[in-house]
Amino acid sequence: MSYTRRDFSIGIYHGIGNLNPHPWMLKYMGAWTQVETKGQGEPNALNNLLNTTEPGFGHNLLPLWNDVGVKQYPTFEDGIAATVASLIGEVEHFYPILLDALRTNNGVPLGSQGQPSEEIIRELNTWSGNANYAAEIASLANSNELRLDEVFPGRHVGHRE
């Protein structure tokens, strides 16, 4: 089995409670995965297109992806669950503005009409270890260079390969 950036994006939105993501929001999440992952055709962390370092979800069954601690997950569903857990957080919410925008289809702070807000920049810098890519994600979401239907290998729960 395999999945696309679109599939991954929809899985994240559903996991955080947005069951009807706006088309631009799908582009935004797809752009975020595209910025986080390497170029087309290069290897990526298995079932982890946003490069989360979230423990659990079967990550211990696979090797770490890099020395920063990016995890790989055994199934597509495990990767979605781990990414959702990272976004939502536990007691402390590291991404409250980002999470609210993603849940409510509010593209304005994300950069749908220009530059992302300072809060989004700050929260994405926390996510990325100060990669400072908030504007790049917004720009890509507003471009024709987005690869939403790019395919990634992955195993889905209940399917044999």
Protein backbone atom coordinates (compact mmCIF):
# COMPACT_ATOMS: atom_id res chain seq x y z
CA MET A 1 0.00 0.00 0.00
CA SER A 2 1.00 3.60 -0.36
CA TYR A 3 -0.37 7.05 0.37
CA THR A 4 -0.10 10.61 -0.93
CA ARG A 5 0.53 13.98 0.68
CA ARG A 6 -3.22 14.58 0.23
CA ASP A 7 -4.03 11.36 2.15
CA PHE A 8 -1.61 12.33 4.92
CA SER A 9 -3.04 15.87 5.09
CA ILE A 10 -6.62 14.64 5.30
CA GLY A 11 -5.61 12.17 8.02
CA ILE A 12 -4.05 14.97 10.08
CA TYR A 13 -7.07 17.23 9.67
CA HIS A 14 -9.47 14.46 10.67
CA GLY A 15 -7.24 13.58 13.64
CA ILE A 16 -7.36 17.13 15.00
CA GLY A 17 -11.11 17.39 14.50
CA ASN A 18 -11.43 19.19 11.15
CA LEU A 19 -13.59 16.79 9.17
CA ASN A 20 -14.06 19.18 6.24
CA PRO A 21 -10.78 20.97 5.51
CA HIS A 22 -11.03 23.84 3.04
CA PRO A 23 -9.15 23.20 -0.25
CA TRP A 24 -6.55 25.87 0.60
CA MET A 25 -5.98 24.22 3.98
CA LEU A 26 -5.27 20.92 2.20
CA LYS A 27 -2.74 22.79 0.08
CA TYR A 28 -1.21 24.30 3.22
CA MET A 29 -0.75 20.95 4.94
CA GLY A 30 0.57 19.43 1.71
CA ALA A 31 3.03 22.33 1.39
CA TRP A 32 4.15 21.82 4.98
CA THR A 33 4.85 18.15 4.26
CA GLN A 34 6.70 19.10 1.09
CA VAL A 35 8.92 21.58 2.93
CA GLU A 36 9.58 19.05 5.72
CA THR A 37 10.46 16.17 3.41
CA LYS A 38 13.31 15.89 1.00
CA GLY A 39 12.99 16.29 -2.75
CA GLN A 40 10.84 14.04 -4.87
CA GLY A 41 12.25 10.54 -5.15
CA GLU A 42 14.53 10.87 -2.12
CA PRO A 43 13.91 8.77 0.99
CA ASN A 44 11.83 10.17 3.84
CA ALA A 45 11.06 9.04 7.37
CA LEU A 46 8.53 6.22 7.03
CA ASN A 47 4.93 7.34 7.62
CA ASN A 48 6.08 10.71 9.00
CA LEU A 49 5.77 13.53 6.45
CA LEU A 50 5.96 16.29 9.09
CA ASN A 51 9.10 14.81 10.68
CA THR A 52 7.68 14.58 14.19
CA THR A 53 9.83 13.34 17.04
CA GLU A 54 6.78 12.10 18.97
CA PRO A 55 7.58 8.93 20.98
CA GLY A 56 5.31 5.92 21.03
CA PHE A 57 3.05 4.73 18.21
CA GLY A 58 5.42 1.85 17.41
CA HIS A 59 8.41 4.05 16.63
CA ASN A 60 10.65 1.72 18.65
CA LEU A 61 10.08 -0.99 16.04
CA LEU A 62 12.05 1.02 13.46
CA PRO A 63 15.36 2.91 13.52
CA LEU A 64 15.44 6.65 14.20
CA TRP A 65 15.43 8.61 10.98
CA ASN A 66 18.11 11.13 11.97
CA ASP A 67 20.19 12.40 14.87
CA VAL A 68 17.57 15.07 15.70
CA GLY A 69 15.22 12.29 16.79
CA VAL A 70 12.74 12.22 13.90
CA LYS A 71 10.87 8.96 14.24
CA GLN A 72 9.64 6.40 11.73
CA TYR A 73 6.32 4.65 12.30
CA PRO A 74 5.24 1.14 11.26
CA THR A 75 1.97 2.17 9.59
CA PHE A 76 0.34 5.16 7.99
CA GLU A 77 -2.17 5.26 10.86
CA ASP A 78 0.64 5.24 13.45
CA GLY A 79 2.30 8.18 11.68
CA ILE A 80 -0.95 10.13 11.60
CA ALA A 81 -1.63 9.43 15.28
CA ALA A 82 1.91 10.47 16.28
CA THR A 83 1.72 13.70 14.28
CA VAL A 84 -1.72 14.54 15.72
CA ALA A 85 -0.37 13.89 19.24
CA SER A 86 2.51 16.29 18.52
CA LEU A 87 0.17 18.99 17.25
CA ILE A 88 -2.33 18.68 20.09
CA GLY A 89 0.21 18.16 22.86
CA GLU A 90 -0.56 17.04 26.35
CA VAL A 91 -0.67 19.44 29.28
CA GLU A 92 1.26 22.16 27.43
CA HIS A 93 0.04 23.22 24.01
CA PHE A 94 3.07 24.36 22.04
CA TYR A 95 1.04 25.20 18.92
CA PRO A 96 -2.26 26.82 20.04
CA ILE A 97 -2.54 29.36 17.18
CA LEU A 98 -1.47 26.85 14.53
CA LEU A 99 -3.82 24.17 15.88
CA ASP A 100 -6.75 26.58 16.01
CA ALA A 101 -6.12 27.75 12.44
CA LEU A 102 -5.91 24.16 11.19
CA ARG A 103 -9.05 23.11 13.06
CA THR A 104 -11.17 26.09 11.96
CA ASN A 105 -10.02 26.46 8.33
CA ASN A 106 -8.55 29.88 9.12
CA GLY A 107 -5.86 30.33 6.49
CA VAL A 108 -5.22 34.02 7.18
CA PRO A 109 -2.69 33.57 10.03
CA LEU A 110 -1.08 30.77 8.01
CA GLY A 111 -0.48 33.07 5.04
CA SER A 112 -3.38 32.44 2.66
CA GLN A 113 -3.56 36.18 1.93
CA GLY A 114 0.08 37.10 2.29
CA GLN A 115 2.62 36.52 5.03
CA PRO A 116 2.01 34.23 8.01
CA SER A 117 1.43 35.87 11.39
CA GLU A 118 4.23 36.29 13.91
CA GLU A 119 2.52 33.71 16.15
CA ILE A 120 2.52 31.12 13.36
CA ILE A 121 6.16 31.89 12.56
CA ARG A 122 7.06 31.41 16.23
CA GLU A 123 5.09 28.16 16.57
CA LEU A 124 6.48 26.67 13.36
CA ASN A 125 9.98 27.61 14.52
CA THR A 126 9.31 25.62 17.69
CA TRP A 127 8.16 22.65 15.54
CA SER A 128 11.11 22.85 13.18
CA GLY A 129 13.95 23.76 15.52
CA ASN A 130 14.09 27.29 14.10
CA ALA A 131 14.13 26.33 10.42
CA ASN A 132 12.21 29.58 9.78
CA TYR A 133 10.09 28.14 6.98
CA ALA A 134 6.59 29.54 7.71
CA ALA A 135 6.72 31.92 4.72
CA GLU A 136 8.05 29.14 2.48
CA ILE A 137 5.10 26.90 3.39
CA ALA A 138 2.57 29.69 2.69
CA SER A 139 4.27 30.56 -0.59
CA LEU A 140 4.26 26.94 -1.72
CA ALA A 141 0.59 26.52 -0.74
CA ASN A 142 -0.21 29.51 -2.97
CA SER A 143 1.88 28.23 -5.90
CA ASN A 144 1.53 25.70 -8.70
CA GLU A 145 4.55 23.73 -7.47
CA LEU A 146 2.71 21.73 -4.85
CA ARG A 147 2.89 17.94 -5.19
CA LEU A 148 -0.26 16.85 -3.29
CA ASP A 149 -0.51 13.58 -5.19
CA GLU A 150 3.12 12.51 -4.68
CA VAL A 151 3.11 8.88 -3.51
CA PHE A 152 4.96 7.51 -0.48
CA PRO A 153 5.42 3.89 0.58
CA GLY A 154 3.51 2.83 3.64
CA ARG A 155 1.56 0.02 5.19
CA HIS A 156 -2.00 0.52 6.33
CA VAL A 157 -3.44 -1.34 9.31
CA GLY A 158 -5.30 -4.42 8.16
CA HIS A 159 -3.51 -4.65 4.79
CA ARG A 160 -0.83 -7.11 3.81
CA GLU A 161 1.93 -6.14 1.46
